[in-house]
């Protein structure tokens, strides 16, 4: 078994695989399979996930959530290291505290972190419909952080999992990112994306030595929809027949979450 971190260090790399940074210098134990909830989120925080018809039907049929592999995002800043993080890795490598260079460390991290993305809001967003629904035949699912945590917990995944509110930064200004655990770099995104108001479920397999060649794009996790779903919302531009069709399909799949047309579809009174 390869040891990617050979020993404790006082640098940015000082967190072991079994613990995580919470506030200040406090450390808390991570229990694999039980998602931790990051700062700025509560059990009642409402989340949205916008889907085209194909992805919505896949959710109903297979009852799984898809987690994209960290190196498959289009944004080149995903999982990016700031200059301070690069320096910390180089210093740890020089001191023989880790056995990988910056490039090797980054490659392994991006290949072994898996991410599922949500939009934080009480209400739906026309911008999100346009970006991720992409048509008048689109559907959004809503949940809460508490429901999402409970659903993922029931999946019994043998990995460290974190539900994190994304912080938007300017990487070139070398912001002081919390790099403990290492997968936390995926809780930061470029400032240009701050309109997304994103919350991410981050699965950390950095310390696992499993063969991931069978997961070229990502991994799926079986999720109980009755635990996950708060409501189902149909695109505001959808035809009435499509709204009715979504309701029928949801019923046939035995899902009890309410189906409603977006409030954005109705004229103001």
C-alpha atoms as a PDB file:
ATOM      1  CA  UNK A   1       0.000   0.000   0.000  1.00  0.00           C
ATOM      2  CA  UNK A   2       1.413   3.369  -1.035  1.00  0.00           C
ATOM      3  CA  UNK A   3       1.653   5.939   1.719  1.00  0.00           C
ATOM      4  CA  UNK A   4       0.953   9.305   0.155  1.00  0.00           C
ATOM      5  CA  UNK A   5       1.484  11.133   3.450  1.00  0.00           C
ATOM      6  CA  UNK A   6       4.329   9.620   5.431  1.00  0.00           C
ATOM      7  CA  UNK A   7       3.996  11.549   8.643  1.00  0.00           C
ATOM      8  CA  UNK A   8       2.399  14.435  10.453  1.00  0.00           C
ATOM      9  CA  UNK A   9       3.520  17.905   9.436  1.00  0.00           C
ATOM     10  CA  UNK A  10       2.747  21.406  10.669  1.00  0.00           C
ATOM     11  CA  UNK A  11       2.271  22.649   7.097  1.00  0.00           C
ATOM     12  CA  UNK A  12      -0.944  22.850   5.078  1.00  0.00           C
ATOM     13  CA  UNK A  13      -0.606  19.089   4.640  1.00  0.00           C
ATOM     14  CA  UNK A  14      -0.877  18.332   8.350  1.00  0.00           C
ATOM     15  CA  UNK A  15      -4.254  16.584   8.332  1.00  0.00           C
ATOM     16  CA  UNK A  16      -4.454  12.808   8.437  1.00  0.00           C
ATOM     17  CA  UNK A  17      -7.018  10.852   6.432  1.00  0.00           C
ATOM     18  CA  UNK A  18      -9.126  10.183   9.536  1.00  0.00           C
ATOM     19  CA  UNK A  19      -9.687  13.763  10.664  1.00  0.00           C
ATOM     20  CA  UNK A  20     -10.797  17.104   9.314  1.00  0.00           C
ATOM     21  CA  UNK A  21     -10.421  20.746  10.249  1.00  0.00           C
ATOM     22  CA  UNK A  22     -13.544  22.376  11.654  1.00  0.00           C
ATOM     23  CA  UNK A  23     -12.941  25.742  13.319  1.00  0.00           C
ATOM     24  CA  UNK A  24      -9.640  27.281  14.249  1.00  0.00           C
ATOM     25  CA  UNK A  25      -7.270  24.468  15.129  1.00  0.00           C
ATOM     26  CA  UNK A  26      -9.972  22.057  16.266  1.00  0.00           C
ATOM     27  CA  UNK A  27     -10.006  18.637  14.662  1.00  0.00           C
ATOM     28  CA  UNK A  28     -13.020  16.353  14.341  1.00  0.00           C
ATOM     29  CA  UNK A  29     -13.204  12.707  13.409  1.00  0.00           C
ATOM     30  CA  UNK A  30     -14.629  11.802  10.016  1.00  0.00           C
ATOM     31  CA  UNK A  31     -16.871   8.747  10.011  1.00  0.00           C
ATOM     32  CA  UNK A  32     -16.813   7.141   6.599  1.00  0.00           C
ATOM     33  CA  UNK A  33     -20.215   6.984   4.967  1.00  0.00           C
ATOM     34  CA  UNK A  34     -21.717   9.674   7.222  1.00  0.00           C
ATOM     35  CA  UNK A  35     -21.582  13.064   5.468  1.00  0.00           C
ATOM     36  CA  UNK A  36     -20.237  15.973   7.464  1.00  0.00           C
ATOM     37  CA  UNK A  37     -21.918  19.343   6.914  1.00  0.00           C
ATOM     38  CA  UNK A  38     -19.756  22.383   6.285  1.00  0.00           C
ATOM     39  CA  UNK A  39     -19.982  25.905   7.630  1.00  0.00           C
ATOM     40  CA  UNK A  40     -22.869  28.078   6.449  1.00  0.00           C
ATOM     41  CA  UNK A  41     -25.279  25.168   6.020  1.00  0.00           C
ATOM     42  CA  UNK A  42     -28.054  23.825   8.248  1.00  0.00           C
ATOM     43  CA  UNK A  43     -30.386  20.853   7.987  1.00  0.00           C
ATOM     44  CA  UNK A  44     -33.081  23.199   6.646  1.00  0.00           C
ATOM     45  CA  UNK A  45     -30.993  24.735   3.839  1.00  0.00           C
ATOM     46  CA  UNK A  46     -32.948  24.215   0.595  1.00  0.00           C
ATOM     47  CA  UNK A  47     -31.111  22.850  -2.442  1.00  0.00           C
ATOM     48  CA  UNK A  48     -32.043  22.526  -6.110  1.00  0.00           C
ATOM     49  CA  UNK A  49     -30.734  20.282  -8.858  1.00  0.00           C
ATOM     50  CA  UNK A  50     -31.778  21.112 -12.428  1.00  0.00           C
ATOM     51  CA  UNK A  51     -32.108  18.198 -14.861  1.00  0.00           C
ATOM     52  CA  UNK A  52     -32.991  17.615 -18.474  1.00  0.00           C
ATOM     53  CA  UNK A  53     -35.617  14.953 -19.154  1.00  0.00           C
ATOM     54  CA  UNK A  54     -33.112  12.157 -19.740  1.00  0.00           C
ATOM     55  CA  UNK A  55     -31.303  12.763 -16.444  1.00  0.00           C
ATOM     56  CA  UNK A  56     -34.587  13.048 -14.557  1.00  0.00           C
ATOM     57  CA  UNK A  57     -35.826   9.722 -15.941  1.00  0.00           C
ATOM     58  CA  UNK A  58     -32.476   8.150 -15.099  1.00  0.00           C
ATOM     59  CA  UNK A  59     -32.864   9.360 -11.513  1.00  0.00           C
ATOM     60  CA  UNK A  60     -36.337   7.814 -11.240  1.00  0.00           C
ATOM     61  CA  UNK A  61     -35.408   4.557 -12.942  1.00  0.00           C
ATOM     62  CA  UNK A  62     -32.018   3.846 -11.380  1.00  0.00           C
ATOM     63  CA  UNK A  63     -32.482   5.779  -8.120  1.00  0.00           C
ATOM     64  CA  UNK A  64     -28.898   6.930  -8.092  1.00  0.00           C
ATOM     65  CA  UNK A  65     -26.999  10.190  -7.828  1.00  0.00           C
ATOM     66  CA  UNK A  66     -24.030  10.700 -10.126  1.00  0.00           C
ATOM     67  CA  UNK A  67     -20.748  12.028  -8.753  1.00  0.00           C
ATOM     68  CA  UNK A  68     -18.453  13.514 -11.384  1.00  0.00           C
ATOM     69  CA  UNK A  69     -14.760  12.663 -11.158  1.00  0.00           C
ATOM     70  CA  UNK A  70     -12.684  15.695 -10.226  1.00  0.00           C
ATOM     71  CA  UNK A  71     -10.636  15.711 -13.419  1.00  0.00           C
ATOM     72  CA  UNK A  72     -13.704  15.660 -15.687  1.00  0.00           C
ATOM     73  CA  UNK A  73     -14.983  19.181 -15.012  1.00  0.00           C
ATOM     74  CA  UNK A  74     -14.794  21.670 -17.891  1.00  0.00           C
ATOM     75  CA  UNK A  75     -13.565  24.458 -15.594  1.00  0.00           C
ATOM     76  CA  UNK A  76      -9.757  24.273 -15.566  1.00  0.00           C
ATOM     77  CA  UNK A  77      -9.683  25.817 -12.085  1.00  0.00           C
ATOM     78  CA  UNK A  78     -11.517  22.848 -10.522  1.00  0.00           C
ATOM     79  CA  UNK A  79      -9.241  21.411  -7.878  1.00  0.00           C
ATOM     80  CA  UNK A  80      -6.651  24.087  -8.610  1.00  0.00           C
ATOM     81  CA  UNK A  81      -3.817  24.710  -6.163  1.00  0.00           C
ATOM     82  CA  UNK A  82      -2.892  28.207  -5.035  1.00  0.00           C
ATOM     83  CA  UNK A  83       0.760  29.205  -4.806  1.00  0.00           C
ATOM     84  CA  UNK A  84       0.724  28.637  -1.032  1.00  0.00           C
ATOM     85  CA  UNK A  85      -0.609  25.096  -1.445  1.00  0.00           C
ATOM     86  CA  UNK A  86       1.931  24.326  -4.175  1.00  0.00           C
ATOM     87  CA  UNK A  87       4.718  25.587  -1.934  1.00  0.00           C
ATOM     88  CA  UNK A  88       3.463  23.471   0.989  1.00  0.00           C
ATOM     89  CA  UNK A  89       3.414  20.335  -1.177  1.00  0.00           C
ATOM     90  CA  UNK A  90       6.877  21.051  -2.577  1.00  0.00           C
ATOM     91  CA  UNK A  91       8.229  21.625   0.930  1.00  0.00           C
ATOM     92  CA  UNK A  92       6.644  18.426   2.272  1.00  0.00           C
ATOM     93  CA  UNK A  93       8.055  16.494  -0.709  1.00  0.00           C
ATOM     94  CA  UNK A  94      11.511  17.972  -0.121  1.00  0.00           C
ATOM     95  CA  UNK A  95      11.352  16.939   3.549  1.00  0.00           C
ATOM     96  CA  UNK A  96      10.264  13.420   2.562  1.00  0.00           C
ATOM     97  CA  UNK A  97       6.920  13.873   4.370  1.00  0.00           C
ATOM     98  CA  UNK A  98       5.018  12.889   1.214  1.00  0.00           C
ATOM     99  CA  UNK A  99       6.197  10.838  -1.731  1.00  0.00           C
ATOM    100  CA  UNK A 100       4.690  12.802  -4.622  1.00  0.00           C
ATOM    101  CA  UNK A 101       5.494  15.991  -6.455  1.00  0.00           C
ATOM    102  CA  UNK A 102       2.936  18.760  -6.954  1.00  0.00           C
ATOM    103  CA  UNK A 103       1.943  17.399 -10.372  1.00  0.00           C
ATOM    104  CA  UNK A 104       1.580  13.814  -9.083  1.00  0.00           C
ATOM    105  CA  UNK A 105      -0.313  14.970  -5.995  1.00  0.00           C
ATOM    106  CA  UNK A 106      -2.746  17.044  -8.065  1.00  0.00           C
ATOM    107  CA  UNK A 107      -3.342  14.262 -10.592  1.00  0.00           C
ATOM    108  CA  UNK A 108      -4.100  11.691  -7.913  1.00  0.00           C
ATOM    109  CA  UNK A 109      -6.371  14.079  -6.029  1.00  0.00           C
ATOM    110  CA  UNK A 110      -8.390  15.067  -9.108  1.00  0.00           C
ATOM    111  CA  UNK A 111      -8.799  11.415 -10.122  1.00  0.00           C
ATOM    112  CA  UNK A 112      -9.987  10.277  -6.696  1.00  0.00           C
ATOM    113  CA  UNK A 113     -12.424  12.976  -5.637  1.00  0.00           C
ATOM    114  CA  UNK A 114     -16.044  12.700  -6.823  1.00  0.00           C
ATOM    115  CA  UNK A 115     -18.515  15.588  -6.750  1.00  0.00           C
ATOM    116  CA  UNK A 116     -22.298  15.997  -6.914  1.00  0.00           C
ATOM    117  CA  UNK A 117     -23.515  19.596  -7.363  1.00  0.00           C
ATOM    118  CA  UNK A 118     -26.573  21.504  -6.108  1.00  0.00           C
ATOM    119  CA  UNK A 119     -27.850  25.099  -6.191  1.00  0.00           C
ATOM    120  CA  UNK A 120     -28.694  26.753  -2.877  1.00  0.00           C
ATOM    121  CA  UNK A 121     -31.905  28.807  -2.923  1.00  0.00           C
ATOM    122  CA  UNK A 122     -35.395  28.917  -1.464  1.00  0.00           C
ATOM    123  CA  UNK A 123     -36.811  29.474  -4.963  1.00  0.00           C
ATOM    124  CA  UNK A 124     -35.986  28.416  -8.489  1.00  0.00           C
ATOM    125  CA  UNK A 125     -33.785  30.509 -10.762  1.00  0.00           C
ATOM    126  CA  UNK A 126     -34.427  31.353 -14.411  1.00  0.00           C
ATOM    127  CA  UNK A 127     -30.668  31.443 -14.977  1.00  0.00           C
ATOM    128  CA  UNK A 128     -30.325  27.903 -13.617  1.00  0.00           C
ATOM    129  CA  UNK A 129     -33.200  26.693 -15.796  1.00  0.00           C
ATOM    130  CA  UNK A 130     -31.427  28.117 -18.846  1.00  0.00           C
ATOM    131  CA  UNK A 131     -27.988  26.775 -17.948  1.00  0.00           C
ATOM    132  CA  UNK A 132     -28.827  23.302 -16.703  1.00  0.00           C
ATOM    133  CA  UNK A 133     -32.383  22.570 -17.816  1.00  0.00           C
ATOM    134  CA  UNK A 134     -31.539  23.693 -21.345  1.00  0.00           C
ATOM    135  CA  UNK A 135     -35.062  23.191 -22.726  1.00  0.00           C
ATOM    136  CA  UNK A 136     -38.750  23.585 -21.969  1.00  0.00           C
ATOM    137  CA  UNK A 137     -38.781  19.878 -21.063  1.00  0.00           C
ATOM    138  CA  UNK A 138     -36.708  20.259 -17.917  1.00  0.00           C
ATOM    139  CA  UNK A 139     -37.297  19.320 -14.302  1.00  0.00           C
ATOM    140  CA  UNK A 140     -35.733  20.354 -11.004  1.00  0.00           C
ATOM    141  CA  UNK A 141     -35.637  18.344  -7.818  1.00  0.00           C
ATOM    142  CA  UNK A 142     -35.420  19.987  -4.421  1.00  0.00           C
ATOM    143  CA  UNK A 143     -34.127  18.686  -1.140  1.00  0.00           C
ATOM    144  CA  UNK A 144     -32.644  20.027   2.078  1.00  0.00           C
ATOM    145  CA  UNK A 145     -29.147  19.551   3.400  1.00  0.00           C
ATOM    146  CA  UNK A 146     -30.576  17.320   6.131  1.00  0.00           C
ATOM    147  CA  UNK A 147     -32.479  15.137   3.670  1.00  0.00           C
ATOM    148  CA  UNK A 148     -29.452  14.916   1.382  1.00  0.00           C
ATOM    149  CA  UNK A 149     -27.218  13.881   4.278  1.00  0.00           C
ATOM    150  CA  UNK A 150     -29.689  11.234   5.453  1.00  0.00           C
ATOM    151  CA  UNK A 151     -30.146   9.824   1.935  1.00  0.00           C
ATOM    152  CA  UNK A 152     -26.400   9.547   1.359  1.00  0.00           C
ATOM    153  CA  UNK A 153     -25.921   8.009   4.796  1.00  0.00           C
ATOM    154  CA  UNK A 154     -28.356   5.246   3.804  1.00  0.00           C
ATOM    155  CA  UNK A 155     -26.218   4.553   0.726  1.00  0.00           C
ATOM    156  CA  UNK A 156     -23.532   3.241   3.133  1.00  0.00           C
ATOM    157  CA  UNK A 157     -20.595   4.417   1.036  1.00  0.00           C
ATOM    158  CA  UNK A 158     -17.241   3.401   2.554  1.00  0.00           C
ATOM    159  CA  UNK A 159     -15.649   6.800   1.983  1.00  0.00           C
ATOM    160  CA  UNK A 160     -15.215  10.159   3.683  1.00  0.00           C
ATOM    161  CA  UNK A 161     -18.006  12.484   2.499  1.00  0.00           C
ATOM    162  CA  UNK A 162     -18.529  16.200   2.998  1.00  0.00           C
ATOM    163  CA  UNK A 163     -21.453  18.480   2.099  1.00  0.00           C
ATOM    164  CA  UNK A 164     -19.804  21.844   1.523  1.00  0.00           C
ATOM    165  CA  UNK A 165     -20.968  25.322   0.618  1.00  0.00           C
ATOM    166  CA  UNK A 166     -18.718  26.452  -2.209  1.00  0.00           C
ATOM    167  CA  UNK A 167     -16.575  29.514  -1.567  1.00  0.00           C
ATOM    168  CA  UNK A 168     -15.757  31.621  -4.618  1.00  0.00           C
ATOM    169  CA  UNK A 169     -12.200  32.940  -4.811  1.00  0.00           C
ATOM    170  CA  UNK A 170      -9.629  34.506  -7.116  1.00  0.00           C
ATOM    171  CA  UNK A 171      -6.928  31.848  -7.244  1.00  0.00           C
ATOM    172  CA  UNK A 172      -4.296  34.189  -8.671  1.00  0.00           C
ATOM    173  CA  UNK A 173      -4.457  36.313  -5.520  1.00  0.00           C
ATOM    174  CA  UNK A 174      -3.297  33.298  -3.492  1.00  0.00           C
ATOM    175  CA  UNK A 175      -6.217  33.171  -1.017  1.00  0.00           C
ATOM    176  CA  UNK A 176      -5.618  31.170   2.141  1.00  0.00           C
ATOM    177  CA  UNK A 177      -7.664  28.061   1.430  1.00  0.00           C
ATOM    178  CA  UNK A 178      -8.414  25.389   4.032  1.00  0.00           C
ATOM    179  CA  UNK A 179      -6.652  22.374   2.525  1.00  0.00           C
ATOM    180  CA  UNK A 180      -7.621  19.868   5.205  1.00  0.00           C
ATOM    181  CA  UNK A 181      -8.695  17.332   4.050  1.00  0.00           C
ATOM    182  CA  UNK A 182      -7.068  17.580   0.615  1.00  0.00           C
ATOM    183  CA  UNK A 183     -10.398  17.093  -1.173  1.00  0.00           C
ATOM    184  CA  UNK A 184     -11.485  20.437   0.269  1.00  0.00           C
ATOM    185  CA  UNK A 185      -9.932  22.198  -2.743  1.00  0.00           C
ATOM    186  CA  UNK A 186     -13.152  21.197  -4.535  1.00  0.00           C
ATOM    187  CA  UNK A 187     -15.106  23.377  -2.106  1.00  0.00           C
ATOM    188  CA  UNK A 188     -13.582  26.414  -3.837  1.00  0.00           C
ATOM    189  CA  UNK A 189     -14.438  27.746  -7.276  1.00  0.00           C
ATOM    190  CA  UNK A 190     -13.441  30.683  -9.414  1.00  0.00           C
ATOM    191  CA  UNK A 191     -15.169  33.947  -8.465  1.00  0.00           C
ATOM    192  CA  UNK A 192     -16.665  34.152 -11.965  1.00  0.00           C
ATOM    193  CA  UNK A 193     -19.042  31.302 -11.028  1.00  0.00           C
ATOM    194  CA  UNK A 194     -20.471  32.825  -7.854  1.00  0.00           C
ATOM    195  CA  UNK A 195     -23.921  33.185  -9.449  1.00  0.00           C
ATOM    196  CA  UNK A 196     -24.261  29.390  -9.134  1.00  0.00           C
ATOM    197  CA  UNK A 197     -24.502  29.541  -5.308  1.00  0.00           C
ATOM    198  CA  UNK A 198     -23.301  25.973  -5.295  1.00  0.00           C
ATOM    199  CA  UNK A 199     -23.350  23.335  -2.593  1.00  0.00           C
ATOM    200  CA  UNK A 200     -21.354  20.184  -3.246  1.00  0.00           C
ATOM    201  CA  UNK A 201     -21.327  16.647  -1.972  1.00  0.00           C
ATOM    202  CA  UNK A 202     -17.653  15.666  -2.068  1.00  0.00           C
ATOM    203  CA  UNK A 203     -16.606  12.019  -1.882  1.00  0.00           C
ATOM    204  CA  UNK A 204     -12.954  11.672  -0.915  1.00  0.00           C
ATOM    205  CA  UNK A 205     -11.155   8.555  -2.168  1.00  0.00           C
ATOM    206  CA  UNK A 206      -7.690  10.095  -2.161  1.00  0.00           C
ATOM    207  CA  UNK A 207      -6.327   7.611   0.370  1.00  0.00           C
ATOM    208  CA  UNK A 208      -7.968   4.597  -1.258  1.00  0.00           C
ATOM    209  CA  UNK A 209      -5.788   2.355  -3.402  1.00  0.00           C
ATOM    210  CA  UNK A 210      -8.619   0.848  -5.393  1.00  0.00           C
ATOM    211  CA  UNK A 211      -8.400   0.635  -9.163  1.00  0.00           C
ATOM    212  CA  UNK A 212     -10.530   3.493 -10.494  1.00  0.00           C
ATOM    213  CA  UNK A 213     -10.065   2.698 -14.190  1.00  0.00           C
ATOM    214  CA  UNK A 214     -13.661   1.419 -14.189  1.00  0.00           C
ATOM    215  CA  UNK A 215     -14.808   4.906 -13.172  1.00  0.00           C
ATOM    216  CA  UNK A 216     -13.535   7.027 -16.083  1.00  0.00           C
ATOM    217  CA  UNK A 217     -16.146   9.766 -15.701  1.00  0.00           C
ATOM    218  CA  UNK A 218     -17.508   9.334 -12.201  1.00  0.00           C
ATOM    219  CA  UNK A 219     -19.429   7.072  -9.853  1.00  0.00           C
ATOM    220  CA  UNK A 220     -23.077   6.515  -9.003  1.00  0.00           C
ATOM    221  CA  UNK A 221     -24.529   5.934  -5.552  1.00  0.00           C
ATOM    222  CA  UNK A 222     -27.881   4.267  -4.856  1.00  0.00           C
ATOM    223  CA  UNK A 223     -30.071   6.793  -3.040  1.00  0.00           C
ATOM    224  CA  UNK A 224     -33.546   6.302  -1.492  1.00  0.00           C
ATOM    225  CA  UNK A 225     -35.673   8.876  -3.301  1.00  0.00           C
ATOM    226  CA  UNK A 226     -38.288   8.904  -0.550  1.00  0.00           C
ATOM    227  CA  UNK A 227     -35.607  10.259   1.778  1.00  0.00           C
ATOM    228  CA  UNK A 228     -33.975  12.593  -0.730  1.00  0.00           C
ATOM    229  CA  UNK A 229     -36.833  14.362  -2.472  1.00  0.00           C
ATOM    230  CA  UNK A 230     -38.592  17.385  -0.994  1.00  0.00           C
ATOM    231  CA  UNK A 231     -40.416  18.336  -4.215  1.00  0.00           C
ATOM    232  CA  UNK A 232     -40.278  18.126  -7.997  1.00  0.00           C
ATOM    233  CA  UNK A 233     -40.632  21.322 -10.032  1.00  0.00           C
ATOM    234  CA  UNK A 234     -41.339  21.500 -13.764  1.00  0.00           C
ATOM    235  CA  UNK A 235     -39.740  24.153 -15.980  1.00  0.00           C
ATOM    236  CA  UNK A 236     -41.763  27.400 -16.239  1.00  0.00           C
ATOM    237  CA  UNK A 237     -41.721  27.178 -20.043  1.00  0.00           C
ATOM    238  CA  UNK A 238     -43.082  23.619 -20.130  1.00  0.00           C
ATOM    239  CA  UNK A 239     -46.370  22.905 -21.882  1.00  0.00           C
ATOM    240  CA  UNK A 240     -49.299  21.846 -19.659  1.00  0.00           C
ATOM    241  CA  UNK A 241     -49.215  18.325 -21.121  1.00  0.00           C
ATOM    242  CA  UNK A 242     -45.562  17.948 -20.052  1.00  0.00           C
ATOM    243  CA  UNK A 243     -46.384  18.966 -16.485  1.00  0.00           C
ATOM    244  CA  UNK A 244     -49.118  16.317 -16.420  1.00  0.00           C
ATOM    245  CA  UNK A 245     -46.773  13.740 -17.956  1.00  0.00           C
ATOM    246  CA  UNK A 246     -44.139  14.341 -15.286  1.00  0.00           C
ATOM    247  CA  UNK A 247     -46.763  13.814 -12.590  1.00  0.00           C
ATOM    248  CA  UNK A 248     -47.887  10.543 -14.174  1.00  0.00           C
ATOM    249  CA  UNK A 249     -44.338   9.217 -14.546  1.00  0.00           C
ATOM    250  CA  UNK A 250     -43.433  10.141 -10.977  1.00  0.00           C
ATOM    251  CA  UNK A 251     -46.543   8.337  -9.716  1.00  0.00           C
ATOM    252  CA  UNK A 252     -45.746   5.210 -11.773  1.00  0.00           C
ATOM    253  CA  UNK A 253     -42.290   5.066 -10.223  1.00  0.00           C
ATOM    254  CA  UNK A 254     -43.839   5.153  -6.765  1.00  0.00           C
ATOM    255  CA  UNK A 255     -42.392   8.510  -5.789  1.00  0.00           C
ATOM    256  CA  UNK A 256     -44.550  10.500  -3.373  1.00  0.00           C
ATOM    257  CA  UNK A 257     -42.834  13.907  -3.629  1.00  0.00           C
ATOM    258  CA  UNK A 258     -45.224  16.634  -4.830  1.00  0.00           C
ATOM    259  CA  UNK A 259     -44.957  17.730  -8.473  1.00  0.00           C
ATOM    260  CA  UNK A 260     -45.594  21.389  -9.248  1.00  0.00           C
ATOM    261  CA  UNK A 261     -45.058  23.756 -12.118  1.00  0.00           C
ATOM    262  CA  UNK A 262     -42.554  26.531 -11.437  1.00  0.00           C
ATOM    263  CA  UNK A 263     -44.063  29.670  -9.915  1.00  0.00           C
ATOM    264  CA  UNK A 264     -42.199  31.579 -12.621  1.00  0.00           C
ATOM    265  CA  UNK A 265     -44.748  30.263 -15.133  1.00  0.00           C
ATOM    266  CA  UNK A 266     -47.637  32.255 -13.687  1.00  0.00           C
ATOM    267  CA  UNK A 267     -48.581  35.863 -14.320  1.00  0.00           C
ATOM    268  CA  UNK A 268     -48.204  38.184 -11.333  1.00  0.00           C
ATOM    269  CA  UNK A 269     -51.434  39.137  -9.597  1.00  0.00           C
END
